[in-house]
PDB file of N, CA and C in Angstrom:
ATOM      1  N   UNK A   1      93.716  33.168  97.947  1.00  0.00           N
ATOM      2  CA  UNK A   1      94.888  32.892  97.157  1.00  0.00           C
ATOM      3  C   UNK A   1      95.848  32.069  98.014  1.00  0.00           C
ATOM      4  N   UNK A   2      96.384  31.025  97.434  1.00  0.00           N
ATOM      5  CA  UNK A   2      97.275  30.141  98.172  1.00  0.00           C
ATOM      6  C   UNK A   2      98.675  30.712  98.342  1.00  0.00           C
ATOM      7  N   UNK A   3      99.394  30.114  99.268  1.00  0.00           N
ATOM      8  CA  UNK A   3     100.763  30.561  99.551  1.00  0.00           C
ATOM      9  C   UNK A   3     101.650  30.371  98.323  1.00  0.00           C
ATOM     10  N   UNK A   4     101.501  29.252  97.634  1.00  0.00           N
ATOM     11  CA  UNK A   4     102.333  29.003  96.449  1.00  0.00           C
ATOM     12  C   UNK A   4     102.073  30.034  95.363  1.00  0.00           C
ATOM     13  N   UNK A   5     100.817  30.400  95.183  1.00  0.00           N
ATOM     14  CA  UNK A   5     100.474  31.401  94.170  1.00  0.00           C
ATOM     15  C   UNK A   5     101.053  32.759  94.535  1.00  0.00           C
ATOM     16  N   UNK A   6     100.909  33.150  95.805  1.00  0.00           N
ATOM     17  CA  UNK A   6     101.470  34.430  96.250  1.00  0.00           C
ATOM     18  C   UNK A   6     102.988  34.451  96.088  1.00  0.00           C
ATOM     19  N   UNK A   7     103.639  33.343  96.394  1.00  0.00           N
ATOM     20  CA  UNK A   7     105.102  33.300  96.261  1.00  0.00           C
ATOM     21  C   UNK A   7     105.524  33.370  94.799  1.00  0.00           C
ATOM     22  N   UNK A   8     104.766  32.741  93.915  1.00  0.00           N
ATOM     23  CA  UNK A   8     105.085  32.808  92.486  1.00  0.00           C
ATOM     24  C   UNK A   8     104.905  34.234  91.959  1.00  0.00           C
ATOM     25  N   UNK A   9     103.791  34.860  92.308  1.00  0.00           N
ATOM     26  CA  UNK A   9     103.539  36.239  91.877  1.00  0.00           C
ATOM     27  C   UNK A   9     104.580  37.176  92.483  1.00  0.00           C
ATOM     28  N   UNK A  10     104.862  37.000  93.758  1.00  0.00           N
ATOM     29  CA  UNK A  10     105.857  37.834  94.428  1.00  0.00           C
ATOM     30  C   UNK A  10     107.247  37.662  93.844  1.00  0.00           C
ATOM     31  N   UNK A  11     107.610  36.439  93.513  1.00  0.00           N
ATOM     32  CA  UNK A  11     108.915  36.195  92.909  1.00  0.00           C
ATOM     33  C   UNK A  11     109.065  36.896  91.572  1.00  0.00           C
ATOM     34  N   UNK A  12     108.026  36.843  90.763  1.00  0.00           N
ATOM     35  CA  UNK A  12     108.061  37.538  89.474  1.00  0.00           C
ATOM     36  C   UNK A  12     108.099  39.054  89.667  1.00  0.00           C
ATOM     37  N   UNK A  13     107.351  39.544  90.651  1.00  0.00           N
ATOM     38  CA  UNK A  13     107.357  40.983  90.935  1.00  0.00           C
ATOM     39  C   UNK A  13     108.736  41.439  91.417  1.00  0.00           C
ATOM     40  N   UNK A  14     109.386  40.627  92.236  1.00  0.00           N
ATOM     41  CA  UNK A  14     110.731  40.968  92.715  1.00  0.00           C
ATOM     42  C   UNK A  14     111.713  41.021  91.551  1.00  0.00           C
ATOM     43  N   UNK A  15     111.645  40.044  90.661  1.00  0.00           N
ATOM     44  CA  UNK A  15     112.541  40.048  89.498  1.00  0.00           C
ATOM     45  C   UNK A  15     112.325  41.286  88.635  1.00  0.00           C
ATOM     46  N   UNK A  16     111.064  41.617  88.372  1.00  0.00           N
ATOM     47  CA  UNK A  16     110.766  42.799  87.557  1.00  0.00           C
ATOM     48  C   UNK A  16     111.263  44.070  88.246  1.00  0.00           C
ATOM     49  N   UNK A  17     111.000  44.185  89.546  1.00  0.00           N
ATOM     50  CA  UNK A  17     111.441  45.365  90.288  1.00  0.00           C
ATOM     51  C   UNK A  17     112.962  45.490  90.253  1.00  0.00           C
ATOM     52  N   UNK A  18     113.664  44.384  90.488  1.00  0.00           N
ATOM     53  CA  UNK A  18     115.125  44.450  90.523  1.00  0.00           C
ATOM     54  C   UNK A  18     115.714  44.805  89.163  1.00  0.00           C
ATOM     55  N   UNK A  19     115.120  44.304  88.095  1.00  0.00           N
ATOM     56  CA  UNK A  19     115.603  44.676  86.759  1.00  0.00           C
ATOM     57  C   UNK A  19     115.465  46.181  86.534  1.00  0.00           C
ATOM     58  N   UNK A  20     114.312  46.726  86.892  1.00  0.00           N
ATOM     59  CA  UNK A  20     114.105  48.168  86.736  1.00  0.00           C
ATOM     60  C   UNK A  20     115.009  48.964  87.677  1.00  0.00           C
ATOM     61  N   UNK A  21     115.152  48.502  88.904  1.00  0.00           N
ATOM     62  CA  UNK A  21     115.961  49.210  89.894  1.00  0.00           C
ATOM     63  C   UNK A  21     117.434  49.236  89.486  1.00  0.00           C
ATOM     64  N   UNK A  22     117.948  48.105  89.061  1.00  0.00           N
ATOM     65  CA  UNK A  22     119.361  48.046  88.659  1.00  0.00           C
ATOM     66  C   UNK A  22     119.609  48.939  87.449  1.00  0.00           C
ATOM     67  N   UNK A  23     118.689  48.910  86.488  1.00  0.00           N
ATOM     68  CA  UNK A  23     118.832  49.778  85.317  1.00  0.00           C
ATOM     69  C   UNK A  23     118.824  51.249  85.694  1.00  0.00           C
ATOM     70  N   UNK A  24     117.897  51.637  86.559  1.00  0.00           N
ATOM     71  CA  UNK A  24     117.815  53.036  86.986  1.00  0.00           C
ATOM     72  C   UNK A  24     119.036  53.434  87.811  1.00  0.00           C
ATOM     73  N   UNK A  25     119.483  52.558  88.705  1.00  0.00           N
ATOM     74  CA  UNK A  25     120.650  52.866  89.540  1.00  0.00           C
ATOM     75  C   UNK A  25     121.910  53.001  88.687  1.00  0.00           C
ATOM     76  N   UNK A  26     122.059  52.138  87.696  1.00  0.00           N
ATOM     77  CA  UNK A  26     123.229  52.223  86.823  1.00  0.00           C
ATOM     78  C   UNK A  26     123.189  53.492  85.979  1.00  0.00           C
ATOM     79  N   UNK A  27     122.010  53.835  85.479  1.00  0.00           N
ATOM     80  CA  UNK A  27     121.874  55.054  84.668  1.00  0.00           C
ATOM     81  C   UNK A  27     122.196  56.290  85.507  1.00  0.00           C
ATOM     82  N   UNK A  28     121.630  56.362  86.711  1.00  0.00           N
ATOM     83  CA  UNK A  28     121.932  57.498  87.587  1.00  0.00           C
ATOM     84  C   UNK A  28     123.401  57.505  87.996  1.00  0.00           C
ATOM     85  N   UNK A  29     123.964  56.332  88.227  1.00  0.00           N
ATOM     86  CA  UNK A  29     125.366  56.243  88.613  1.00  0.00           C
ATOM     87  C   UNK A  29     126.306  56.734  87.527  1.00  0.00           C
ATOM     88  N   UNK A  30     125.917  56.541  86.275  1.00  0.00           N
ATOM     89  CA  UNK A  30     126.763  57.005  85.175  1.00  0.00           C
ATOM     90  C   UNK A  30     126.714  58.526  85.017  1.00  0.00           C
ATOM     91  N   UNK A  31     125.742  59.173  85.632  1.00  0.00           N
ATOM     92  CA  UNK A  31     125.602  60.628  85.529  1.00  0.00           C
ATOM     93  C   UNK A  31     126.291  61.362  86.682  1.00  0.00           C
ATOM     94  N   UNK A  32     126.843  60.632  87.627  1.00  0.00           N
ATOM     95  CA  UNK A  32     127.494  61.247  88.787  1.00  0.00           C
ATOM     96  C   UNK A  32     128.823  61.875  88.395  1.00  0.00           C
ATOM     97  N   UNK A  33     129.277  62.854  89.171  1.00  0.00           N
ATOM     98  CA  UNK A  33     130.610  63.403  88.916  1.00  0.00           C
ATOM     99  C   UNK A  33     131.681  62.333  89.138  1.00  0.00           C
ATOM    100  N   UNK A  34     132.792  62.511  88.482  1.00  0.00           N
ATOM    101  CA  UNK A  34     133.856  61.505  88.527  1.00  0.00           C
ATOM    102  C   UNK A  34     134.731  61.698  89.768  1.00  0.00           C
ATOM    103  N   UNK A  35     134.106  61.563  90.943  1.00  0.00           N
ATOM    104  CA  UNK A  35     134.819  61.639  92.217  1.00  0.00           C
ATOM    105  C   UNK A  35     134.514  60.359  92.984  1.00  0.00           C
ATOM    106  N   UNK A  36     135.543  59.704  93.468  1.00  0.00           N
ATOM    107  CA  UNK A  36     135.354  58.389  94.082  1.00  0.00           C
ATOM    108  C   UNK A  36     134.457  58.445  95.310  1.00  0.00           C
ATOM    109  N   UNK A  37     134.537  59.525  96.099  1.00  0.00           N
ATOM    110  CA  UNK A  37     133.729  59.609  97.321  1.00  0.00           C
ATOM    111  C   UNK A  37     132.238  59.725  96.995  1.00  0.00           C
ATOM    112  N   UNK A  38     131.913  60.483  95.970  1.00  0.00           N
ATOM    113  CA  UNK A  38     130.514  60.638  95.558  1.00  0.00           C
ATOM    114  C   UNK A  38     129.976  59.306  95.052  1.00  0.00           C
ATOM    115  N   UNK A  39     130.753  58.642  94.218  1.00  0.00           N
ATOM    116  CA  UNK A  39     130.318  57.345  93.683  1.00  0.00           C
ATOM    117  C   UNK A  39     130.201  56.296  94.788  1.00  0.00           C
ATOM    118  N   UNK A  40     131.132  56.296  95.718  1.00  0.00           N
ATOM    119  CA  UNK A  40     131.076  55.346  96.830  1.00  0.00           C
ATOM    120  C   UNK A  40     129.812  55.552  97.651  1.00  0.00           C
ATOM    121  N   UNK A  41     129.534  56.781  98.012  1.00  0.00           N
ATOM    122  CA  UNK A  41     128.332  57.082  98.790  1.00  0.00           C
ATOM    123  C   UNK A  41     127.071  56.688  98.024  1.00  0.00           C
ATOM    124  N   UNK A  42     127.020  57.018  96.738  1.00  0.00           N
ATOM    125  CA  UNK A  42     125.846  56.688  95.930  1.00  0.00           C
ATOM    126  C   UNK A  42     125.628  55.176  95.879  1.00  0.00           C
ATOM    127  N   UNK A  43     126.677  54.413  95.586  1.00  0.00           N
ATOM    128  CA  UNK A  43     126.505  52.972  95.436  1.00  0.00           C
ATOM    129  C   UNK A  43     126.265  52.268  96.772  1.00  0.00           C
ATOM    130  N   UNK A  44     126.756  52.822  97.869  1.00  0.00           N
ATOM    131  CA  UNK A  44     126.423  52.260  99.186  1.00  0.00           C
ATOM    132  C   UNK A  44     124.936  52.450  99.461  1.00  0.00           C
ATOM    133  N   UNK A  45     124.435  53.652  99.211  1.00  0.00           N
ATOM    134  CA  UNK A  45     123.010  53.922  99.438  1.00  0.00           C
ATOM    135  C   UNK A  45     122.152  53.130  98.459  1.00  0.00           C
ATOM    136  N   UNK A  46     122.491  53.174  97.182  1.00  0.00           N
ATOM    137  CA  UNK A  46     121.698  52.469  96.169  1.00  0.00           C
ATOM    138  C   UNK A  46     121.772  50.956  96.358  1.00  0.00           C
ATOM    139  N   UNK A  47     122.891  50.471  96.848  1.00  0.00           N
ATOM    140  CA  UNK A  47     123.052  49.038  97.047  1.00  0.00           C
ATOM    141  C   UNK A  47     122.273  48.486  98.221  1.00  0.00           C
ATOM    142  N   UNK A  48     121.911  49.334  99.155  1.00  0.00           N
ATOM    143  CA  UNK A  48     121.124  48.871 100.300  1.00  0.00           C
ATOM    144  C   UNK A  48     119.660  49.292 100.218  1.00  0.00           C
ATOM    145  N   UNK A  49     119.366  50.331  99.465  1.00  0.00           N
ATOM    146  CA  UNK A  49     117.998  50.869  99.415  1.00  0.00           C
ATOM    147  C   UNK A  49     117.029  49.979  98.651  1.00  0.00           C
ATOM    148  N   UNK A  50     117.510  49.061  97.852  1.00  0.00           N
ATOM    149  CA  UNK A  50     116.597  48.227  97.063  1.00  0.00           C
ATOM    150  C   UNK A  50     115.737  47.335  97.943  1.00  0.00           C
ATOM    151  N   UNK A  51     116.202  47.015  99.130  1.00  0.00           N
ATOM    152  CA  UNK A  51     115.451  46.108  99.993  1.00  0.00           C
ATOM    153  C   UNK A  51     114.253  46.737 100.672  1.00  0.00           C
ATOM    154  N   UNK A  52     114.284  48.045 100.884  1.00  0.00           N
ATOM    155  CA  UNK A  52     113.201  48.717 101.613  1.00  0.00           C
ATOM    156  C   UNK A  52     111.849  48.567 100.914  1.00  0.00           C
ATOM    157  N   UNK A  53     111.731  48.802  99.606  1.00  0.00           N
ATOM    158  CA  UNK A  53     110.418  48.653  98.975  1.00  0.00           C
ATOM    159  C   UNK A  53     109.935  47.206  98.913  1.00  0.00           C
ATOM    160  N   UNK A  54     110.828  46.258  99.090  1.00  0.00           N
ATOM    161  CA  UNK A  54     110.429  44.851  98.994  1.00  0.00           C
ATOM    162  C   UNK A  54     109.894  44.289 100.307  1.00  0.00           C
ATOM    163  N   UNK A  55     110.080  44.979 101.404  1.00  0.00           N
ATOM    164  CA  UNK A  55     109.633  44.470 102.707  1.00  0.00           C
ATOM    165  C   UNK A  55     108.132  44.186 102.737  1.00  0.00           C
ATOM    166  N   UNK A  56     107.263  45.111 102.278  1.00  0.00           N
ATOM    167  CA  UNK A  56     105.825  44.787 102.282  1.00  0.00           C
ATOM    168  C   UNK A  56     105.478  43.615 101.361  1.00  0.00           C
ATOM    169  N   UNK A  57     106.147  43.528 100.229  1.00  0.00           N
ATOM    170  CA  UNK A  57     105.885  42.424  99.303  1.00  0.00           C
ATOM    171  C   UNK A  57     106.278  41.090  99.926  1.00  0.00           C
ATOM    172  N   UNK A  58     107.409  41.046 100.597  1.00  0.00           N
ATOM    173  CA  UNK A  58     107.833  39.811 101.253  1.00  0.00           C
ATOM    174  C   UNK A  58     106.878  39.428 102.376  1.00  0.00           C
ATOM    175  N   UNK A  59     106.373  40.416 103.095  1.00  0.00           N
ATOM    176  CA  UNK A  59     105.377  40.140 104.131  1.00  0.00           C
ATOM    177  C   UNK A  59     104.099  39.569 103.542  1.00  0.00           C
ATOM    178  N   UNK A  60     103.659  40.118 102.418  1.00  0.00           N
ATOM    179  CA  UNK A  60     102.459  39.621 101.748  1.00  0.00           C
ATOM    180  C   UNK A  60     102.672  38.196 101.243  1.00  0.00           C
ATOM    181  N   UNK A  61     103.852  37.939 100.701  1.00  0.00           N
ATOM    182  CA  UNK A  61     104.137  36.607 100.161  1.00  0.00           C
ATOM    183  C   UNK A  61     104.105  35.537 101.251  1.00  0.00           C
ATOM    184  N   UNK A  62     104.534  35.867 102.453  1.00  0.00           N
ATOM    185  CA  UNK A  62     104.645  34.879 103.526  1.00  0.00           C
ATOM    186  C   UNK A  62     103.455  34.863 104.471  1.00  0.00           C
ATOM    187  N   UNK A  63     102.435  35.638 104.154  1.00  0.00           N
ATOM    188  CA  UNK A  63     101.235  35.678 104.993  1.00  0.00           C
ATOM    189  C   UNK A  63     100.492  34.349 104.900  1.00  0.00           C
ATOM    190  N   UNK A  64      99.966  33.887 106.013  1.00  0.00           N
ATOM    191  CA  UNK A  64      99.210  32.622 106.012  1.00  0.00           C
ATOM    192  C   UNK A  64      97.794  32.822 105.562  1.00  0.00           C
TER     193      UNK A  64
END
């Protein structure tokens, strides 16, 4: 499989993952108690955690 094909497939997979992740994070965020500290902690964690599952995919996309 060529690099261009892997990047195209990976790009579509990233878009699909992010759409699902944002929807799930927003849904869970709406269920949190109405305390600013809880929401702040949740959105800090949720806002940075999306990148962890994408690391292997990005490595696969850029493999020679």
